[in-house]
C-alpha cells in the first residue's frame, strides 16, 4: 500500500513536504506511510488518500468478499 501511495504522490507531483502541509501529518509518519507501516493509524492513511483524491478507493476494501459469501453459503446449506 505504501508503494502505491508513493507512486500516486509522484504521479501528481506531490512531495512529502506538500503532503505534510496539506494533511498536518508529521514527516516521520509520512515516511512510515510510504513504507506501508501498519502501526500508522488508519486516519492518517485516510488523510493521505483524501489529498490524493483516492478516498473513494477505501470503500472498495472487502467490497467483494468472496470468502465471506462462500462461508455464508455453507452455513445456509447446513440449515436446510
PDB file of N, CA and C in Angstrom:
ATOM      1  N   UNK A   1       0.827  -1.192   0.000  1.00  0.00           N
ATOM      2  CA  UNK A   1       0.000   0.000   0.000  1.00  0.00           C
ATOM      3  C   UNK A   1       0.870   1.254   0.000  1.00  0.00           C
ATOM      4  N   UNK A   2       1.931   1.205   0.781  1.00  0.00           N
ATOM      5  CA  UNK A   2       2.822   2.357   0.834  1.00  0.00           C
ATOM      6  C   UNK A   2       3.411   2.692  -0.520  1.00  0.00           C
ATOM      7  N   UNK A   3       3.798   1.648  -1.254  1.00  0.00           N
ATOM      8  CA  UNK A   3       4.362   1.870  -2.582  1.00  0.00           C
ATOM      9  C   UNK A   3       3.324   2.485  -3.516  1.00  0.00           C
ATOM     10  N   UNK A   4       2.089   2.017  -3.427  1.00  0.00           N
ATOM     11  CA  UNK A   4       1.013   2.573  -4.263  1.00  0.00           C
ATOM     12  C   UNK A   4       0.773   4.043  -3.943  1.00  0.00           C
ATOM     13  N   UNK A   5       0.786   4.388  -2.666  1.00  0.00           N
ATOM     14  CA  UNK A   5       0.580   5.785  -2.277  1.00  0.00           C
ATOM     15  C   UNK A   5       1.753   6.651  -2.733  1.00  0.00           C
ATOM     16  N   UNK A   6       2.968   6.120  -2.614  1.00  0.00           N
ATOM     17  CA  UNK A   6       4.146   6.857  -3.075  1.00  0.00           C
ATOM     18  C   UNK A   6       4.058   7.118  -4.571  1.00  0.00           C
ATOM     19  N   UNK A   7       3.679   6.100  -5.327  1.00  0.00           N
ATOM     20  CA  UNK A   7       3.531   6.279  -6.778  1.00  0.00           C
ATOM     21  C   UNK A   7       2.434   7.293  -7.104  1.00  0.00           C
ATOM     22  N   UNK A   8       1.324   7.240  -6.373  1.00  0.00           N
ATOM     23  CA  UNK A   8       0.230   8.196  -6.604  1.00  0.00           C
ATOM     24  C   UNK A   8       0.702   9.619  -6.328  1.00  0.00           C
ATOM     25  N   UNK A   9       1.499   9.795  -5.283  1.00  0.00           N
ATOM     26  CA  UNK A   9       2.042  11.125  -4.988  1.00  0.00           C
ATOM     27  C   UNK A   9       2.950  11.591  -6.119  1.00  0.00           C
ATOM     28  N   UNK A  10       3.805  10.700  -6.596  1.00  0.00           N
ATOM     29  CA  UNK A  10       4.738  11.066  -7.669  1.00  0.00           C
ATOM     30  C   UNK A  10       3.987  11.412  -8.952  1.00  0.00           C
ATOM     31  N   UNK A  11       2.938  10.645  -9.251  1.00  0.00           N
ATOM     32  CA  UNK A  11       2.152  10.934 -10.465  1.00  0.00           C
ATOM     33  C   UNK A  11       1.528  12.318 -10.405  1.00  0.00           C
ATOM     34  N   UNK A  12       1.192  12.756  -9.209  1.00  0.00           N
ATOM     35  CA  UNK A  12       0.539  14.056  -9.024  1.00  0.00           C
ATOM     36  C   UNK A  12       1.545  15.164  -8.697  1.00  0.00           C
ATOM     37  N   UNK A  13       2.821  14.828  -8.692  1.00  0.00           N
ATOM     38  CA  UNK A  13       3.885  15.775  -8.321  1.00  0.00           C
ATOM     39  C   UNK A  13       3.667  16.370  -6.943  1.00  0.00           C
ATOM     40  N   UNK A  14       3.246  15.530  -6.010  1.00  0.00           N
ATOM     41  CA  UNK A  14       3.057  15.960  -4.622  1.00  0.00           C
ATOM     42  C   UNK A  14       4.239  15.439  -3.811  1.00  0.00           C
ATOM     43  N   UNK A  15       5.001  16.352  -3.243  1.00  0.00           N
ATOM     44  CA  UNK A  15       6.156  15.986  -2.426  1.00  0.00           C
ATOM     45  C   UNK A  15       5.694  15.666  -1.003  1.00  0.00           C
ATOM     46  N   UNK A  16       6.601  15.066  -0.225  1.00  0.00           N
ATOM     47  CA  UNK A  16       6.268  14.815   1.179  1.00  0.00           C
ATOM     48  C   UNK A  16       6.052  16.135   1.915  1.00  0.00           C
ATOM     49  N   UNK A  17       6.795  17.156   1.542  1.00  0.00           N
ATOM     50  CA  UNK A  17       6.620  18.480   2.154  1.00  0.00           C
ATOM     51  C   UNK A  17       5.211  19.010   1.876  1.00  0.00           C
ATOM     52  N   UNK A  18       4.754  18.871   0.635  1.00  0.00           N
ATOM     53  CA  UNK A  18       3.400  19.311   0.287  1.00  0.00           C
ATOM     54  C   UNK A  18       2.354  18.485   1.038  1.00  0.00           C
ATOM     55  N   UNK A  19       2.580  17.170   1.113  1.00  0.00           N
ATOM     56  CA  UNK A  19       1.639  16.305   1.823  1.00  0.00           C
ATOM     57  C   UNK A  19       1.595  16.676   3.299  1.00  0.00           C
ATOM     58  N   UNK A  20       2.747  16.974   3.859  1.00  0.00           N
ATOM     59  CA  UNK A  20       2.832  17.400   5.257  1.00  0.00           C
ATOM     60  C   UNK A  20       2.011  18.670   5.478  1.00  0.00           C
ATOM     61  N   UNK A  21       2.164  19.631   4.580  1.00  0.00           N
ATOM     62  CA  UNK A  21       1.446  20.897   4.768  1.00  0.00           C
ATOM     63  C   UNK A  21      -0.059  20.738   4.536  1.00  0.00           C
ATOM     64  N   UNK A  22      -0.455  19.825   3.658  1.00  0.00           N
ATOM     65  CA  UNK A  22      -1.885  19.636   3.368  1.00  0.00           C
ATOM     66  C   UNK A  22      -2.602  18.771   4.401  1.00  0.00           C
ATOM     67  N   UNK A  23      -1.861  17.860   5.040  1.00  0.00           N
ATOM     68  CA  UNK A  23      -2.502  16.942   5.991  1.00  0.00           C
ATOM     69  C   UNK A  23      -2.180  17.253   7.442  1.00  0.00           C
ATOM     70  N   UNK A  24      -1.060  17.922   7.680  1.00  0.00           N
ATOM     71  CA  UNK A  24      -0.615  18.153   9.048  1.00  0.00           C
ATOM     72  C   UNK A  24       0.047  16.927   9.664  1.00  0.00           C
ATOM     73  N   UNK A  25       0.249  15.894   8.875  1.00  0.00           N
ATOM     74  CA  UNK A  25       0.891  14.670   9.351  1.00  0.00           C
ATOM     75  C   UNK A  25       2.398  14.909   9.386  1.00  0.00           C
ATOM     76  N   UNK A  26       3.026  14.464  10.465  1.00  0.00           N
ATOM     77  CA  UNK A  26       4.470  14.679  10.597  1.00  0.00           C
ATOM     78  C   UNK A  26       5.242  13.959   9.494  1.00  0.00           C
ATOM     79  N   UNK A  27       6.402  14.485   9.206  1.00  0.00           N
ATOM     80  CA  UNK A  27       7.227  13.890   8.158  1.00  0.00           C
ATOM     81  C   UNK A  27       7.652  12.460   8.492  1.00  0.00           C
ATOM     82  N   UNK A  28       8.013  12.162   9.746  1.00  0.00           N
ATOM     83  CA  UNK A  28       8.343  10.765  10.066  1.00  0.00           C
ATOM     84  C   UNK A  28       7.159   9.817   9.839  1.00  0.00           C
ATOM     85  N   UNK A  29       5.962  10.280  10.151  1.00  0.00           N
ATOM     86  CA  UNK A  29       4.775   9.447   9.929  1.00  0.00           C
ATOM     87  C   UNK A  29       4.505   9.280   8.443  1.00  0.00           C
ATOM     88  N   UNK A  30       4.714  10.329   7.667  1.00  0.00           N
ATOM     89  CA  UNK A  30       4.559  10.216   6.213  1.00  0.00           C
ATOM     90  C   UNK A  30       5.556   9.211   5.635  1.00  0.00           C
ATOM     91  N   UNK A  31       6.772   9.199   6.185  1.00  0.00           N
ATOM     92  CA  UNK A  31       7.752   8.210   5.724  1.00  0.00           C
ATOM     93  C   UNK A  31       7.276   6.797   6.054  1.00  0.00           C
ATOM     94  N   UNK A  32       6.683   6.637   7.230  1.00  0.00           N
ATOM     95  CA  UNK A  32       6.145   5.323   7.609  1.00  0.00           C
ATOM     96  C   UNK A  32       5.019   4.909   6.656  1.00  0.00           C
ATOM     97  N   UNK A  33       4.173   5.854   6.301  1.00  0.00           N
ATOM     98  CA  UNK A  33       3.073   5.576   5.367  1.00  0.00           C
ATOM     99  C   UNK A  33       3.637   5.138   4.022  1.00  0.00           C
ATOM    100  N   UNK A  34       4.687   5.813   3.561  1.00  0.00           N
ATOM    101  CA  UNK A  34       5.265   5.460   2.266  1.00  0.00           C
ATOM    102  C   UNK A  34       5.907   4.079   2.291  1.00  0.00           C
ATOM    103  N   UNK A  35       6.199   3.572   3.492  1.00  0.00           N
ATOM    104  CA  UNK A  35       6.745   2.223   3.638  1.00  0.00           C
ATOM    105  C   UNK A  35       5.642   1.200   3.931  1.00  0.00           C
ATOM    106  N   UNK A  36       4.404   1.683   4.078  1.00  0.00           N
ATOM    107  CA  UNK A  36       3.288   0.785   4.365  1.00  0.00           C
ATOM    108  C   UNK A  36       3.268   0.298   5.797  1.00  0.00           C
ATOM    109  N   UNK A  37       3.835   1.061   6.696  1.00  0.00           N
ATOM    110  CA  UNK A  37       3.925   0.676   8.107  1.00  0.00           C
ATOM    111  C   UNK A  37       2.529   0.492   8.707  1.00  0.00           C
ATOM    112  N   UNK A  38       2.209  -0.711   9.219  1.00  0.00           N
ATOM    113  CA  UNK A  38       0.877  -0.966   9.766  1.00  0.00           C
ATOM    114  C   UNK A  38       0.627  -0.299  11.119  1.00  0.00           C
ATOM    115  N   UNK A  39       1.665   0.266  11.730  1.00  0.00           N
ATOM    116  CA  UNK A  39       1.463   0.909  13.032  1.00  0.00           C
ATOM    117  C   UNK A  39       0.866   2.308  12.898  1.00  0.00           C
ATOM    118  N   UNK A  40       0.825   2.832  11.679  1.00  0.00           N
ATOM    119  CA  UNK A  40       0.258   4.167  11.441  1.00  0.00           C
ATOM    120  C   UNK A  40      -1.266   4.067  11.485  1.00  0.00           C
ATOM    121  N   UNK A  41      -1.893   5.018  12.135  1.00  0.00           N
ATOM    122  CA  UNK A  41      -3.352   4.975  12.271  1.00  0.00           C
ATOM    123  C   UNK A  41      -4.050   5.070  10.911  1.00  0.00           C
ATOM    124  N   UNK A  42      -5.177   4.418  10.829  1.00  0.00           N
ATOM    125  CA  UNK A  42      -5.960   4.441   9.599  1.00  0.00           C
ATOM    126  C   UNK A  42      -6.362   5.872   9.239  1.00  0.00           C
ATOM    127  N   UNK A  43      -6.575   6.690  10.242  1.00  0.00           N
ATOM    128  CA  UNK A  43      -6.941   8.086   9.996  1.00  0.00           C
ATOM    129  C   UNK A  43      -5.891   8.835   9.195  1.00  0.00           C
ATOM    130  N   UNK A  44      -4.621   8.546   9.438  1.00  0.00           N
ATOM    131  CA  UNK A  44      -3.557   9.187   8.666  1.00  0.00           C
ATOM    132  C   UNK A  44      -3.596   8.721   7.216  1.00  0.00           C
ATOM    133  N   UNK A  45      -3.825   7.421   7.018  1.00  0.00           N
ATOM    134  CA  UNK A  45      -3.948   6.921   5.647  1.00  0.00           C
ATOM    135  C   UNK A  45      -5.135   7.584   4.952  1.00  0.00           C
ATOM    136  N   UNK A  46      -6.239   7.767   5.670  1.00  0.00           N
ATOM    137  CA  UNK A  46      -7.429   8.416   5.101  1.00  0.00           C
ATOM    138  C   UNK A  46      -7.095   9.843   4.669  1.00  0.00           C
ATOM    139  N   UNK A  47      -6.365  10.567   5.499  1.00  0.00           N
ATOM    140  CA  UNK A  47      -5.980  11.942   5.148  1.00  0.00           C
ATOM    141  C   UNK A  47      -5.140  11.978   3.878  1.00  0.00           C
ATOM    142  N   UNK A  48      -4.197  11.043   3.756  1.00  0.00           N
ATOM    143  CA  UNK A  48      -3.353  10.988   2.558  1.00  0.00           C
ATOM    144  C   UNK A  48      -4.198  10.644   1.337  1.00  0.00           C
ATOM    145  N   UNK A  49      -5.079   9.652   1.478  1.00  0.00           N
ATOM    146  CA  UNK A  49      -5.962   9.282   0.366  1.00  0.00           C
ATOM    147  C   UNK A  49      -6.822  10.466  -0.075  1.00  0.00           C
ATOM    148  N   UNK A  50      -7.310  11.233   0.884  1.00  0.00           N
ATOM    149  CA  UNK A  50      -8.147  12.393   0.563  1.00  0.00           C
ATOM    150  C   UNK A  50      -7.366  13.421  -0.254  1.00  0.00           C
ATOM    151  N   UNK A  51      -6.144  13.706   0.144  1.00  0.00           N
ATOM    152  CA  UNK A  51      -5.323  14.669  -0.587  1.00  0.00           C
ATOM    153  C   UNK A  51      -5.055  14.173  -2.008  1.00  0.00           C
ATOM    154  N   UNK A  52      -4.891  12.858  -2.148  1.00  0.00           N
ATOM    155  CA  UNK A  52      -4.612  12.289  -3.465  1.00  0.00           C
ATOM    156  C   UNK A  52      -5.871  12.116  -4.313  1.00  0.00           C
ATOM    157  N   UNK A  53      -7.033  12.388  -3.727  1.00  0.00           N
ATOM    158  CA  UNK A  53      -8.287  12.213  -4.456  1.00  0.00           C
ATOM    159  C   UNK A  53      -8.666  10.743  -4.600  1.00  0.00           C
ATOM    160  N   UNK A  54      -8.186   9.916  -3.674  1.00  0.00           N
ATOM    161  CA  UNK A  54      -8.416   8.476  -3.748  1.00  0.00           C
ATOM    162  C   UNK A  54      -9.241   7.945  -2.580  1.00  0.00           C
ATOM    163  N   UNK A  55      -9.907   8.821  -1.882  1.00  0.00           N
ATOM    164  CA  UNK A  55     -10.654   8.400  -0.694  1.00  0.00           C
ATOM    165  C   UNK A  55     -11.740   7.379  -1.028  1.00  0.00           C
ATOM    166  N   UNK A  56     -12.354   7.501  -2.203  1.00  0.00           N
ATOM    167  CA  UNK A  56     -13.397   6.538  -2.590  1.00  0.00           C
ATOM    168  C   UNK A  56     -12.850   5.119  -2.714  1.00  0.00           C
ATOM    169  N   UNK A  57     -11.547   4.993  -2.952  1.00  0.00           N
ATOM    170  CA  UNK A  57     -10.945   3.662  -3.052  1.00  0.00           C
ATOM    171  C   UNK A  57     -11.035   2.908  -1.734  1.00  0.00           C
ATOM    172  N   UNK A  58     -11.097   3.622  -0.630  1.00  0.00           N
ATOM    173  CA  UNK A  58     -11.195   2.981   0.678  1.00  0.00           C
ATOM    174  C   UNK A  58     -12.491   2.183   0.810  1.00  0.00           C
ATOM    175  N   UNK A  59     -13.531   2.645   0.155  1.00  0.00           N
ATOM    176  CA  UNK A  59     -14.818   1.952   0.198  1.00  0.00           C
ATOM    177  C   UNK A  59     -14.757   0.604  -0.521  1.00  0.00           C
ATOM    178  N   UNK A  60     -13.722   0.387  -1.306  1.00  0.00           N
ATOM    179  CA  UNK A  60     -13.594  -0.868  -2.045  1.00  0.00           C
ATOM    180  C   UNK A  60     -12.982  -1.993  -1.207  1.00  0.00           C
ATOM    181  N   UNK A  61     -12.464  -1.649  -0.038  1.00  0.00           N
ATOM    182  CA  UNK A  61     -11.868  -2.660   0.832  1.00  0.00           C
ATOM    183  C   UNK A  61     -12.949  -3.641   1.263  1.00  0.00           C
ATOM    184  N   UNK A  62     -12.706  -4.911   1.017  1.00  0.00           N
ATOM    185  CA  UNK A  62     -13.614  -6.003   1.358  1.00  0.00           C
ATOM    186  C   UNK A  62     -14.974  -5.887   0.671  1.00  0.00           C
ATOM    187  N   UNK A  63     -15.044  -5.104  -0.382  1.00  0.00           N
ATOM    188  CA  UNK A  63     -16.301  -4.928  -1.103  1.00  0.00           C
ATOM    189  C   UNK A  63     -16.782  -6.239  -1.713  1.00  0.00           C
ATOM    190  N   UNK A  64     -15.876  -6.948  -2.353  1.00  0.00           N
ATOM    191  CA  UNK A  64     -16.220  -8.224  -2.975  1.00  0.00           C
ATOM    192  C   UNK A  64     -15.676  -9.336  -2.081  1.00  0.00           C
ATOM    193  N   UNK A  65     -16.405  -9.664  -1.039  1.00  0.00           N
ATOM    194  CA  UNK A  65     -15.973 -10.621  -0.016  1.00  0.00           C
ATOM    195  C   UNK A  65     -16.306 -12.042  -0.445  1.00  0.00           C
ATOM    196  N   UNK A  66     -15.510 -12.572  -1.362  1.00  0.00           N
ATOM    197  CA  UNK A  66     -15.762 -13.891  -1.924  1.00  0.00           C
ATOM    198  C   UNK A  66     -15.726 -14.973  -0.842  1.00  0.00           C
ATOM    199  N   UNK A  67     -14.723 -14.945   0.022  1.00  0.00           N
ATOM    200  CA  UNK A  67     -14.622 -15.943   1.086  1.00  0.00           C
ATOM    201  C   UNK A  67     -15.813 -15.848   2.039  1.00  0.00           C
ATOM    202  N   UNK A  68     -16.188 -14.639   2.418  1.00  0.00           N
ATOM    203  CA  UNK A  68     -17.314 -14.451   3.323  1.00  0.00           C
ATOM    204  C   UNK A  68     -18.608 -14.997   2.739  1.00  0.00           C
ATOM    205  N   UNK A  69     -18.813 -14.779   1.450  1.00  0.00           N
ATOM    206  CA  UNK A  69     -20.018 -15.299   0.790  1.00  0.00           C
ATOM    207  C   UNK A  69     -20.007 -16.818   0.767  1.00  0.00           C
ATOM    208  N   UNK A  70     -18.844 -17.423   0.505  1.00  0.00           N
ATOM    209  CA  UNK A  70     -18.756 -18.882   0.484  1.00  0.00           C
ATOM    210  C   UNK A  70     -19.052 -19.471   1.861  1.00  0.00           C
ATOM    211  N   UNK A  71     -18.486 -18.848   2.891  1.00  0.00           N
ATOM    212  CA  UNK A  71     -18.751 -19.320   4.255  1.00  0.00           C
ATOM    213  C   UNK A  71     -20.231 -19.193   4.601  1.00  0.00           C
ATOM    214  N   UNK A  72     -20.828 -18.103   4.192  1.00  0.00           N
ATOM    215  CA  UNK A  72     -22.247 -17.891   4.445  1.00  0.00           C
ATOM    216  C   UNK A  72     -23.083 -18.916   3.686  1.00  0.00           C
ATOM    217  N   UNK A  73     -22.720 -19.197   2.453  1.00  0.00           N
ATOM    218  CA  UNK A  73     -23.453 -20.193   1.665  1.00  0.00           C
ATOM    219  C   UNK A  73     -23.361 -21.568   2.298  1.00  0.00           C
ATOM    220  N   UNK A  74     -22.207 -21.935   2.839  1.00  0.00           N
ATOM    221  CA  UNK A  74     -22.053 -23.228   3.516  1.00  0.00           C
ATOM    222  C   UNK A  74     -23.005 -23.315   4.694  1.00  0.00           C
ATOM    223  N   UNK A  75     -23.070 -22.254   5.475  1.00  0.00           N
ATOM    224  CA  UNK A  75     -23.976 -22.230   6.633  1.00  0.00           C
ATOM    225  C   UNK A  75     -25.438 -22.297   6.196  1.00  0.00           C
ATOM    226  N   UNK A  76     -25.768 -21.601   5.123  1.00  0.00           N
ATOM    227  CA  UNK A  76     -27.135 -21.633   4.633  1.00  0.00           C
ATOM    228  C   UNK A  76     -27.526 -23.033   4.155  1.00  0.00           C
ATOM    229  N   UNK A  77     -26.594 -23.719   3.535  1.00  0.00           N
ATOM    230  CA  UNK A  77     -26.866 -25.086   3.073  1.00  0.00           C
ATOM    231  C   UNK A  77     -27.016 -26.055   4.240  1.00  0.00           C
ATOM    232  N   UNK A  78     -26.307 -25.831   5.314  1.00  0.00           N
ATOM    233  CA  UNK A  78     -26.402 -26.686   6.511  1.00  0.00           C
ATOM    234  C   UNK A  78     -27.771 -26.556   7.164  1.00  0.00           C
ATOM    235  N   UNK A  79     -28.390 -25.396   7.066  1.00  0.00           N
ATOM    236  CA  UNK A  79     -29.662 -25.128   7.732  1.00  0.00           C
ATOM    237  C   UNK A  79     -30.830 -25.822   7.054  1.00  0.00           C
ATOM    238  N   UNK A  80     -30.619 -26.360   5.859  1.00  0.00           N
ATOM    239  CA  UNK A  80     -31.726 -26.998   5.137  1.00  0.00           C
ATOM    240  C   UNK A  80     -32.030 -28.279   5.749  1.00  0.00           C
TER     241      UNK A  80
END
